[in-house]
Every structure is written in structure tokens, then in C-alpha cells.
């Protein structure tokens, strides 16, 4: 099967040709979280998108190495740790635990490699040294900066004119910069900030150099796919391209680039002041993670996504319909639908893939196998319908006790009490279904 990808670097859809599919397999690097706070629904989009891409690569090529980094050294982290009165390591460790829990709730498989920036300082220092030796970086006042004018191709990747950007920035140029566009590779640290010894003094890395060091360590100086959000094209990915190509002579860095589109919330830009800012954690109190995942997949990854709670409710109802088909179905070794695979191979067209699921109908085995490519419908149907108690909803044990009380009330011909129990549970989102033989089954709405 041939995969086609819209390559951000060339701005067109191209046939994907892996470097070494039969040997090391396909290599994919995706920018991960900066761990200073809970992730929001916008952060969740690339997690879900590139999880599906990794599933597709493994299906088509048999082997893939998915690397997603963690940025655990950053000024936002420093500031948040000070605000909370805790150590930086305490903040980052606890945030990583929360991040992993949220990603798992969204149905995302762990990446093959999840490097932390602070574990790769030597690799960053090595690239910085090579950049200085190659004439593409310079040291000044404890800082090391990339010399943007030294590389004529700067701006080609992002499609940005460097001079126009500098002219319109209206930002005071730091005295240690030769050129306003030069960006930091290394900067000095005070005793209150994390730091490491380097040839240029005690300091810490700039953001961009982190990803260049980690991607090259685990995937090589040239690898197949680099992914991330549209907002990272400039300056982050443009600067990655510059320092990686200049620091590793002969390197193409990433051959294909994939970027997911922006996320709107309730029709507007997501903002705490507008009341439409949702962390994944708070959404999980109201909706199953699988419903959030489905909302994300219903929009093509390159298009803007307008997220809303109404769409989450619709996604939950849609999943209910699929899981009803799967009730009573056992394990299967069926293969995914070729039509669904073809949709994903066409620049990860998840809306088209979802339409295939609806075409499958009542073939439970084919439905489950096909949905697995999207990370959907892998729960036991009974677990899905009973699930965990939603916010304010009754626990499973309490529901079972009320069903038993209702059965006793019906036996005693106290139908008013039986109806009261049924209606009370319905008001809490629990539906009772009386089956032949006096059995009552239940599910959450």
C-alpha cells in the first residue's frame, strides 16, 4: 500500500518513500508537551493524530519508531515551580504522570521512545560545538546564538521572509545578538534556574536545540517524518531545520513534515477569559476519553477543528451505536477494511475512514478490526455502557443494589416504588432494560 502525505516542506501531497522500511523501519519524531501544567484539548489533537499515524505506519511497513519528546527545561516551568513553591523536578515529574494518564484516557499508545530534554544535554552541547566550528553560531556574554545570515536557506521551510519578520517584530534587539533574527542555542542560568556546565559557562539550552538533539540521537541525522502543530512551523521547526542541517553537514533532517491545524473552542479562540478553555482532565469528568478522541478524528488533521461539548455528546451517542453492534461479539483476528486503510493512506483522511465504519454495518469482527486503526471500539461493550461513574452519577455497586430493590418491589407489587427507582436512575443517566426471564440490564446514557 502506498501512503501519501501533504508535506509542509514542499506544500504539496507526495508519495511517501521511507528511507529504510525493511531495516530500521520508519522513523517519526513529534514534538511533545512542555510539562508545567495539565494538557488542554488543543494539546490533545497532535497526540491523537500522530497516534493514528503510528498505527498506520506499523500496519503498512511492519515496523516504525515513534519518538515523542518531553520538554522539562523551560522558563514556563521555572516560573510555575516558583509560583507553587516546589522544586522544578517535583513539578515536572508530577505533570508527566498526569500527562501520561490523560494520553492513555484518549486511547493513545505510548511512543516507542519518550526522551526528556534534561537527559540529553551532552547531545545538545555537541551540536552547538559543531555549529560554532561550521561558522553558523557564535558565543557572546554567556549566550550562544545561531547566526541566521550564515545560512542563505533560512526561511525557505516556513515560507517566511526573514527581513520582513524582523522589520515587523518591533522587539528590542538583545545587545549580544549580531543580527535581530539570531536565536538562542544556549543561555546563562542563575542559581535559581536549572543549569549545566558548558564551554560557554553555566547555563541551559534554548528550546529549539532540544528537539534537534533528541531526534538525531534516536532516529539519525536524516529521518522520515517530523510532526507537530501548525503553530510550531515558525519559529520552532524552522529553527530546528536550520541548526540540524548546518550542524550535521549533508543532513536533510526530516524528509516529510506533517502539521495538524489549529483548534477553536465553542466557535472562538480557546481562552480562559471566554470560559471555553478546557483541560483534558476536566473534560474526562464529563465525557469518556474515547468520545474526545472521536471528536478530534471527525475533522481532517490539517483543517481547523472547532471543538465543543455538544460535539462530545454527539460523539458519545455515535459510539453507543457502534458498541451496540459489538455487544456479545468475542475476540477476532479479522483484518481492517481495505477501504478504511486506503482512506488513512490518503494523507490520514480520518473523516473518510470513519465513514467506512458506518458502511460496515453489523459485521462486528470487521468493525472492531477496522476501528482499531483509529484507536476506537477496543473496549468490551458491556464495560463501555456501564463504565465509570460520570461526574455526580451513581457507582456500579449502588446501581446494582437499586436494581435488586426494584426487583423486590415489583415482586411485592409495589410498582410505584419500582417506577420511582427506574425514573430516579434515568435522571442520573442510567437506563434500565428489562429482559425476558426477569433479568434487568443497565447502561449509562
Protein backbone atom coordinates (compact mmCIF):
# COMPACT_ATOMS: atom_id res chain seq x y z
CA UNK A 1 0.00 0.00 0.00
CA UNK A 2 1.24 3.49 -0.88
CA UNK A 3 0.93 6.28 1.68
CA UNK A 4 0.58 9.89 0.52
CA UNK A 5 1.40 12.78 2.83
CA UNK A 6 0.88 16.52 2.49
CA UNK A 7 4.47 17.61 3.10
CA UNK A 8 4.64 21.01 4.78
CA UNK A 9 8.17 21.49 3.44
CA UNK A 10 7.04 21.31 -0.19
CA UNK A 11 3.43 22.42 0.35
CA UNK A 12 2.05 19.55 -1.69
CA UNK A 13 0.86 15.98 -1.31
CA UNK A 14 3.62 13.50 -2.03
CA UNK A 15 4.08 9.75 -2.22
CA UNK A 16 5.79 8.67 0.99
CA UNK A 17 9.04 6.81 0.38
CA UNK A 18 10.68 5.70 3.65
CA UNK A 19 14.45 5.74 3.99
CA UNK A 20 14.82 2.17 5.27
CA UNK A 21 11.45 0.42 5.68
CA UNK A 22 12.91 -3.10 5.52
CA UNK A 23 15.69 -2.44 8.03
CA UNK A 24 15.14 0.02 10.84
CA UNK A 25 11.59 0.74 9.74
CA UNK A 26 10.00 4.17 9.54
CA UNK A 27 11.17 6.90 11.93
CA UNK A 28 8.76 9.58 13.15
CA UNK A 29 9.50 12.39 15.61
CA UNK A 30 6.73 14.53 17.12
CA UNK A 31 7.12 17.49 19.46
CA UNK A 32 5.65 16.61 22.85
CA UNK A 33 4.49 18.64 25.84
CA UNK A 34 6.25 21.24 27.94
CA UNK A 35 5.41 19.80 31.34
CA UNK A 36 4.39 22.72 33.54
CA UNK A 37 0.60 22.22 33.59
CA UNK A 38 -2.24 19.90 32.58
CA UNK A 39 -2.71 19.47 28.84
CA UNK A 40 -5.73 21.12 27.22
CA UNK A 41 -7.84 19.80 24.35
CA UNK A 42 -5.67 21.65 21.83
CA UNK A 43 -2.62 19.73 23.10
CA UNK A 44 -4.62 16.52 22.72
CA UNK A 45 -5.05 16.93 18.98
CA UNK A 46 -1.47 16.06 17.92
CA UNK A 47 -1.41 13.22 20.45
CA UNK A 48 -4.38 11.57 18.75
CA UNK A 49 -3.40 12.46 15.16
CA UNK A 50 0.12 11.06 15.35
CA UNK A 51 -1.01 8.04 17.35
CA UNK A 52 -3.17 7.11 14.35
CA UNK A 53 -0.25 7.83 12.00
CA UNK A 54 1.99 5.48 14.02
CA UNK A 55 -0.68 2.75 13.80
CA UNK A 56 -0.85 3.18 10.02
CA UNK A 57 2.94 3.09 9.58
CA UNK A 58 3.19 -0.14 11.58
CA UNK A 59 0.36 -1.71 9.59
CA UNK A 60 1.88 -0.83 6.23
CA UNK A 61 5.60 -1.29 6.97
CA UNK A 62 5.57 -3.70 9.91
CA UNK A 63 7.99 -1.60 11.93
CA UNK A 64 8.13 2.04 12.99
CA UNK A 65 9.93 4.01 15.68
CA UNK A 66 7.75 6.76 17.10
CA UNK A 67 9.66 9.31 19.21
CA UNK A 68 7.77 11.98 21.16
CA UNK A 69 9.84 14.16 23.44
CA UNK A 70 9.13 15.83 26.76
CA UNK A 71 10.39 19.38 27.34
CA UNK A 72 11.26 19.56 31.01
CA UNK A 73 13.53 22.62 30.98
CA UNK A 74 11.82 25.87 30.07
CA UNK A 75 11.13 29.30 31.54
CA UNK A 76 7.42 28.47 31.95
CA UNK A 77 8.43 25.52 34.09
CA UNK A 78 10.77 27.68 36.18
CA UNK A 79 8.06 30.29 36.77
CA UNK A 80 5.37 27.75 37.66
CA UNK A 81 7.63 25.99 40.15
CA UNK A 82 8.31 29.32 41.88
CA UNK A 83 4.56 30.10 41.94
CA UNK A 84 3.79 26.77 43.60
CA UNK A 85 6.78 26.82 45.92
CA UNK A 86 8.07 23.42 44.79
CA UNK A 87 11.19 22.20 43.03
CA UNK A 88 11.36 22.09 39.25
CA UNK A 89 11.84 18.32 39.30
CA UNK A 90 8.82 17.85 41.56
CA UNK A 91 6.71 19.92 39.18
CA UNK A 92 7.86 18.15 36.01
CA UNK A 93 7.63 14.63 37.48
CA UNK A 94 4.06 15.12 38.72
CA UNK A 95 2.99 16.80 35.47
CA UNK A 96 4.41 13.93 33.41
CA UNK A 97 2.37 11.43 35.45
CA UNK A 98 -0.78 13.48 34.77
CA UNK A 99 0.10 13.77 31.09
CA UNK A 100 0.53 10.02 30.70
CA UNK A 101 -2.84 9.41 32.39
CA UNK A 102 -4.61 11.87 30.07
CA UNK A 103 -2.93 10.45 26.94
CA UNK A 104 -3.96 6.92 27.95
CA UNK A 105 -7.55 8.05 28.56
CA UNK A 106 -7.58 9.39 24.99
CA UNK A 107 -6.64 5.92 23.75
CA UNK A 108 -3.11 6.86 22.71
CA UNK A 109 -0.44 4.16 22.77
CA UNK A 110 2.85 5.20 24.40
CA UNK A 111 5.53 6.24 21.89
CA UNK A 112 8.45 3.87 21.36
CA UNK A 113 10.83 6.44 22.82
CA UNK A 114 9.92 9.36 25.09
CA UNK A 115 13.14 11.29 25.79
CA UNK A 116 13.32 14.04 28.37
CA UNK A 117 15.27 17.12 27.36
CA UNK A 118 17.25 17.24 30.60
CA UNK A 119 18.65 13.76 29.90
CA UNK A 120 20.19 14.93 26.62
CA UNK A 121 22.28 17.98 27.50
CA UNK A 122 25.56 16.38 26.22
CA UNK A 123 23.99 15.78 22.80
CA UNK A 124 22.83 19.42 22.67
CA UNK A 125 26.28 20.69 23.60
CA UNK A 126 27.82 18.59 20.84
CA UNK A 127 25.57 20.07 18.16
CA UNK A 128 26.24 23.59 19.43
CA UNK A 129 30.00 22.97 19.23
CA UNK A 130 29.68 21.77 15.63
CA UNK A 131 27.59 24.81 14.70
CA UNK A 132 30.31 27.11 16.03
CA UNK A 133 33.01 25.12 14.20
CA UNK A 134 30.98 25.25 10.97
CA UNK A 135 30.62 29.03 11.21
CA UNK A 136 26.88 29.00 11.91
CA UNK A 137 26.91 30.02 15.60
CA UNK A 138 28.80 32.36 17.91
CA UNK A 139 29.24 32.90 21.66
CA UNK A 140 28.64 36.26 23.36
CA UNK A 141 28.15 37.18 27.02
CA UNK A 142 27.43 33.61 28.12
CA UNK A 143 24.99 33.07 25.26
CA UNK A 144 25.45 31.02 22.12
CA UNK A 145 23.34 32.07 19.16
CA UNK A 146 22.63 30.67 15.72
CA UNK A 147 23.92 33.07 13.06
CA UNK A 148 20.87 33.28 10.78
CA UNK A 149 22.55 35.24 7.92
CA UNK A 150 25.20 32.48 7.71
CA UNK A 151 22.62 30.12 6.17
CA UNK A 152 21.03 31.51 2.97
CA UNK A 153 18.20 28.93 3.09
CA UNK A 154 16.83 30.26 6.38
CA UNK A 155 13.08 30.92 5.98
CA UNK A 156 12.65 28.61 2.99
CA UNK A 157 11.00 25.88 5.07
CA UNK A 158 8.48 28.16 6.79
CA UNK A 159 7.89 30.38 3.79
CA UNK A 160 8.73 33.45 5.84
CA UNK A 161 10.89 36.35 4.68
CA UNK A 162 13.43 36.91 7.43
CA UNK A 163 13.90 40.62 6.80
CA UNK A 164 10.15 41.29 6.77
CA UNK A 165 9.72 39.45 10.07
CA UNK A 166 12.49 41.38 11.78
CA UNK A 167 11.15 44.70 10.47
CA UNK A 168 7.68 43.95 11.78
CA UNK A 169 8.68 42.47 15.12
CA UNK A 170 9.18 45.77 16.99
CA UNK A 171 11.16 43.93 19.61
CA UNK A 172 14.25 45.42 21.20
CA UNK A 173 17.28 43.51 19.95
CA UNK A 174 19.42 42.00 22.72
CA UNK A 175 22.94 43.50 22.82
CA UNK A 176 24.58 40.06 22.47
CA UNK A 177 22.95 39.45 19.05
CA UNK A 178 24.78 40.17 15.81
CA UNK A 179 21.51 40.09 13.87
CA UNK A 180 17.95 40.62 15.15
CA UNK A 181 16.89 37.22 13.74
CA UNK A 182 19.59 35.21 15.50
CA UNK A 183 18.15 32.74 18.00
CA UNK A 184 19.44 31.29 21.25
CA UNK A 185 21.10 27.88 21.42
CA UNK A 186 22.45 28.27 24.96
CA UNK A 187 21.83 30.88 27.65
CA UNK A 188 23.25 31.58 31.11
CA UNK A 189 21.48 30.39 34.24
CA UNK A 190 21.36 31.98 37.66
CA UNK A 191 21.46 29.96 40.85
CA UNK A 192 17.64 29.94 40.88
CA UNK A 193 17.36 28.32 37.45
CA UNK A 194 18.35 24.85 36.25
CA UNK A 195 21.75 24.78 34.59
CA UNK A 196 24.68 22.69 33.41
CA UNK A 197 28.34 23.36 32.89
CA UNK A 198 29.35 24.11 29.30
CA UNK A 199 32.31 25.61 27.40
CA UNK A 200 30.39 28.91 27.46
CA UNK A 201 29.58 28.92 31.15
CA UNK A 202 26.90 27.59 33.45
CA UNK A 203 23.61 27.65 31.58
CA UNK A 204 20.72 25.86 29.93
CA UNK A 205 19.64 25.12 26.36
CA UNK A 206 17.34 27.10 24.14
CA UNK A 207 14.09 25.37 23.21
CA UNK A 208 14.86 24.61 19.57
CA UNK A 209 18.16 22.79 20.09
CA UNK A 210 16.46 20.22 22.33
CA UNK A 211 14.47 18.61 19.51
CA UNK A 212 17.42 18.58 17.10
CA UNK A 213 19.49 16.67 19.65
CA UNK A 214 16.82 14.14 20.62
CA UNK A 215 15.57 13.40 17.11
CA UNK A 216 19.08 12.78 15.75
CA UNK A 217 20.01 10.54 18.67
CA UNK A 218 17.08 8.16 18.24
CA UNK A 219 16.31 8.43 14.52
CA UNK A 220 19.56 9.57 12.90
CA UNK A 221 20.63 12.85 11.33
CA UNK A 222 18.12 12.30 8.49
CA UNK A 223 14.83 10.57 9.22
CA UNK A 224 11.40 10.09 7.67
CA UNK A 225 8.66 12.17 9.33
CA UNK A 226 8.55 15.13 11.72
CA UNK A 227 5.19 16.14 13.14
CA UNK A 228 3.63 18.77 15.35
CA UNK A 229 1.07 21.55 15.50
CA UNK A 230 0.74 24.24 12.83
CA UNK A 231 1.82 26.85 15.38
CA UNK A 232 5.27 25.24 15.55
CA UNK A 233 6.22 25.81 11.90
CA UNK A 234 7.77 29.13 12.85
CA UNK A 235 9.94 29.67 14.71
CA UNK A 236 10.41 26.24 16.29
CA UNK A 237 10.54 23.95 13.29
CA UNK A 238 12.22 26.50 11.05
CA UNK A 239 14.98 26.83 13.65
CA UNK A 240 15.23 23.05 14.04
CA UNK A 241 15.77 22.75 10.30
CA UNK A 242 18.44 25.46 10.32
CA UNK A 243 20.51 24.14 13.20
CA UNK A 244 20.16 20.47 12.20
CA UNK A 245 21.14 20.96 8.55
CA UNK A 246 24.01 23.28 9.49
CA UNK A 247 25.19 21.18 12.44
CA UNK A 248 25.03 17.86 10.59
CA UNK A 249 26.57 18.51 7.19
CA UNK A 250 24.84 16.58 4.42
CA UNK A 251 21.71 16.02 6.52
CA UNK A 252 18.23 16.59 5.14
CA UNK A 253 16.91 16.42 8.73
CA UNK A 254 13.26 15.34 8.26
CA UNK A 255 12.16 14.37 4.75
CA UNK A 256 8.42 14.76 5.35
CA UNK A 257 6.68 17.23 7.64
CA UNK A 258 3.11 16.88 8.95
CA UNK A 259 1.32 19.63 10.87
CA UNK A 260 -2.13 19.47 12.44
CA UNK A 261 -4.39 22.52 12.21
CA UNK A 262 -5.49 24.94 14.88
CA UNK A 263 -8.22 24.26 17.41
CA UNK A 264 -11.10 26.59 18.13
CA UNK A 265 -13.36 26.09 21.13
CA UNK A 266 -17.10 26.72 21.10
CA UNK A 267 -16.68 28.79 17.91
CA UNK A 268 -13.95 31.08 19.24
CA UNK A 269 -10.27 31.01 20.05
CA UNK A 270 -9.77 28.98 23.23
CA UNK A 271 -9.29 31.32 26.16
CA UNK A 272 -9.76 31.14 29.92
CA UNK A 273 -11.34 34.59 29.86
CA UNK A 274 -14.00 33.39 27.39
CA UNK A 275 -14.80 30.35 29.52
CA UNK A 276 -14.13 27.94 26.65
CA UNK A 277 -10.72 26.72 27.84
CA UNK A 278 -10.92 23.00 28.59
CA UNK A 279 -8.22 20.81 30.02
CA UNK A 280 -8.43 17.14 29.06
CA UNK A 281 -8.67 16.31 32.76
CA UNK A 282 -11.85 18.35 33.31
CA UNK A 283 -13.44 17.08 30.08
CA UNK A 284 -12.83 13.50 31.25
CA UNK A 285 -15.00 14.23 34.27
CA UNK A 286 -17.92 14.73 31.87
CA UNK A 287 -17.14 12.57 28.82
CA UNK A 288 -15.33 9.29 28.06
CA UNK A 289 -11.86 9.77 26.59
CA UNK A 290 -12.95 7.80 23.53
CA UNK A 291 -15.62 10.41 22.79
CA UNK A 292 -12.99 13.17 22.91
CA UNK A 293 -10.83 11.11 20.54
CA UNK A 294 -13.72 10.67 18.10
CA UNK A 295 -14.41 14.42 18.07
CA UNK A 296 -10.78 15.04 17.11
CA UNK A 297 -10.80 12.39 14.36
CA UNK A 298 -14.01 13.65 12.74
CA UNK A 299 -12.09 16.64 11.33
CA UNK A 300 -9.18 16.15 8.91
CA UNK A 301 -5.96 16.77 10.80
CA UNK A 302 -4.85 19.67 8.58
CA UNK A 303 -8.14 21.55 8.92
CA UNK A 304 -9.17 23.85 11.78
CA UNK A 305 -11.13 21.97 14.45
CA UNK A 306 -14.00 23.70 16.24
CA UNK A 307 -14.30 21.78 19.49
CA UNK A 308 -17.48 21.91 21.58
CA UNK A 309 -19.14 19.97 24.35
CA UNK A 310 -22.14 19.41 22.08
CA UNK A 311 -19.84 17.55 19.69
CA UNK A 312 -18.65 15.41 22.60
CA UNK A 313 -22.24 14.45 23.40
CA UNK A 314 -22.86 13.60 19.74
CA UNK A 315 -19.66 11.52 19.65
CA UNK A 316 -20.75 9.61 22.78
CA UNK A 317 -24.09 8.77 21.14
CA UNK A 318 -22.30 7.67 17.95
CA UNK A 319 -20.02 5.39 19.94
CA UNK A 320 -23.05 3.95 21.75
CA UNK A 321 -24.40 2.87 18.37
CA UNK A 322 -21.16 1.16 17.41
CA UNK A 323 -20.83 -0.58 20.77
CA UNK A 324 -24.37 -1.96 20.50
CA UNK A 325 -23.20 -3.78 17.36
CA UNK A 326 -20.27 -5.17 19.32
CA UNK A 327 -22.31 -6.43 22.29
CA UNK A 328 -21.85 -10.17 22.60
CA UNK A 329 -19.07 -10.28 19.98
CA UNK A 330 -15.92 -12.12 21.02
CA UNK A 331 -12.28 -11.58 20.12
CA UNK A 332 -11.40 -11.50 16.44
CA UNK A 333 -8.40 -11.89 14.18
CA UNK A 334 -10.13 -10.10 11.28
CA UNK A 335 -8.17 -7.67 9.11
CA UNK A 336 -9.12 -3.99 8.78
CA UNK A 337 -11.25 -2.90 5.86
CA UNK A 338 -9.09 -2.18 2.76
CA UNK A 339 -11.28 0.85 2.10
CA UNK A 340 -10.55 2.25 5.57
CA UNK A 341 -6.81 1.67 5.14
CA UNK A 342 -6.92 3.42 1.77
CA UNK A 343 -8.58 6.45 3.41
CA UNK A 344 -5.87 6.66 6.07
CA UNK A 345 -3.15 6.20 3.45
CA UNK A 346 -4.50 9.27 1.67
CA UNK A 347 -2.93 11.89 3.93
CA UNK A 348 -4.53 10.41 7.04
CA UNK A 349 -8.10 11.11 5.98
CA UNK A 350 -9.80 10.13 9.25
CA UNK A 351 -13.26 11.55 8.34
CA UNK A 352 -13.32 9.24 5.30
CA UNK A 353 -12.11 6.35 7.46
CA UNK A 354 -14.92 6.97 9.95
CA UNK A 355 -17.47 6.92 7.13
CA UNK A 356 -16.21 3.41 6.28
CA UNK A 357 -17.03 2.28 9.83
CA UNK A 358 -20.64 3.29 9.26
CA UNK A 359 -20.72 1.37 5.97
CA UNK A 360 -19.56 -1.84 7.67
CA UNK A 361 -22.87 -2.20 9.47
CA UNK A 362 -23.43 -5.25 11.67
CA UNK A 363 -20.18 -7.12 10.89
CA UNK A 364 -18.81 -6.91 14.43
CA UNK A 365 -15.47 -8.57 13.65
CA UNK A 366 -14.70 -6.28 10.70
CA UNK A 367 -15.94 -3.24 12.64
CA UNK A 368 -13.65 -3.86 15.61
CA UNK A 369 -10.60 -4.65 13.46
CA UNK A 370 -11.11 -1.58 11.30
CA UNK A 371 -11.78 0.74 14.23
CA UNK A 372 -8.53 -0.41 15.86
CA UNK A 373 -6.64 1.54 13.19
CA UNK A 374 -8.26 4.66 14.63
CA UNK A 375 -7.84 3.62 18.26
CA UNK A 376 -11.62 3.23 18.63
CA UNK A 377 -14.05 0.49 19.77
CA UNK A 378 -11.46 -1.61 21.60
CA UNK A 379 -13.29 -1.77 24.93
CA UNK A 380 -15.65 -4.53 25.94
CA UNK A 381 -19.13 -3.29 25.02
CA UNK A 382 -20.55 -4.01 28.48
CA UNK A 383 -17.71 -2.07 30.09
CA UNK A 384 -18.40 0.84 27.73
CA UNK A 385 -22.06 1.04 28.65
CA UNK A 386 -21.55 0.59 32.38
CA UNK A 387 -18.25 2.41 32.54
CA UNK A 388 -17.08 4.55 35.39
CA UNK A 389 -19.46 6.85 37.19
CA UNK A 390 -19.70 10.19 35.43
CA UNK A 391 -19.50 13.34 37.49
CA UNK A 392 -22.30 13.06 40.02
CA UNK A 393 -23.50 9.71 38.67
CA UNK A 394 -24.09 6.62 40.82
CA UNK A 395 -21.44 3.92 41.22
CA UNK A 396 -21.97 0.48 39.66
CA UNK A 397 -22.48 -1.16 43.07
CA UNK A 398 -25.16 1.33 44.03
CA UNK A 399 -26.94 0.78 40.71
CA UNK A 400 -26.95 -2.99 41.21
CA UNK A 401 -28.34 -2.54 44.73
CA UNK A 402 -31.17 -0.34 43.41
CA UNK A 403 -31.96 -2.87 40.67
CA UNK A 404 -32.24 -5.57 43.36
CA UNK A 405 -34.51 -3.33 45.44
CA UNK A 406 -36.63 -2.63 42.35
CA UNK A 407 -36.97 -6.38 41.66
CA UNK A 408 -38.10 -6.92 45.25
CA UNK A 409 -40.59 -4.04 44.96
CA UNK A 410 -42.05 -5.50 41.77
CA UNK A 411 -42.34 -8.93 43.42
CA UNK A 412 -44.22 -7.28 46.30
CA UNK A 413 -46.42 -5.49 43.72
CA UNK A 414 -45.10 -2.13 44.90
CA UNK A 415 -44.96 -0.80 41.37
CA UNK A 416 -44.85 2.83 42.50
CA UNK A 417 -41.51 2.18 44.23
CA UNK A 418 -40.23 0.19 41.22
CA UNK A 419 -41.07 3.08 38.89
CA UNK A 420 -39.53 5.57 41.31
CA UNK A 421 -36.23 3.67 41.25
CA UNK A 422 -36.27 3.39 37.45
CA UNK A 423 -37.06 7.09 36.98
CA UNK A 424 -34.51 8.14 39.58
CA UNK A 425 -31.75 6.22 37.84
CA UNK A 426 -32.78 7.62 34.47
CA UNK A 427 -32.50 11.13 35.86
CA UNK A 428 -28.89 10.27 36.76
CA UNK A 429 -28.12 8.98 33.27
CA UNK A 430 -28.68 5.26 33.91
CA UNK A 431 -31.08 3.35 31.66
CA UNK A 432 -32.69 0.09 32.82
CA UNK A 433 -33.76 -2.53 30.29
CA UNK A 434 -35.97 -5.40 31.44
CA UNK A 435 -35.17 -8.62 29.59
CA UNK A 436 -37.05 -11.95 29.38
CA UNK A 437 -36.73 -14.15 32.46
CA UNK A 438 -36.89 -11.27 34.90
CA UNK A 439 -33.34 -10.05 34.15
CA UNK A 440 -32.68 -6.32 34.21
CA UNK A 441 -29.67 -4.88 32.37
CA UNK A 442 -28.41 -1.35 32.68
CA UNK A 443 -26.24 1.13 30.83
CA UNK A 444 -25.20 4.73 31.13
CA UNK A 445 -26.53 7.22 28.62
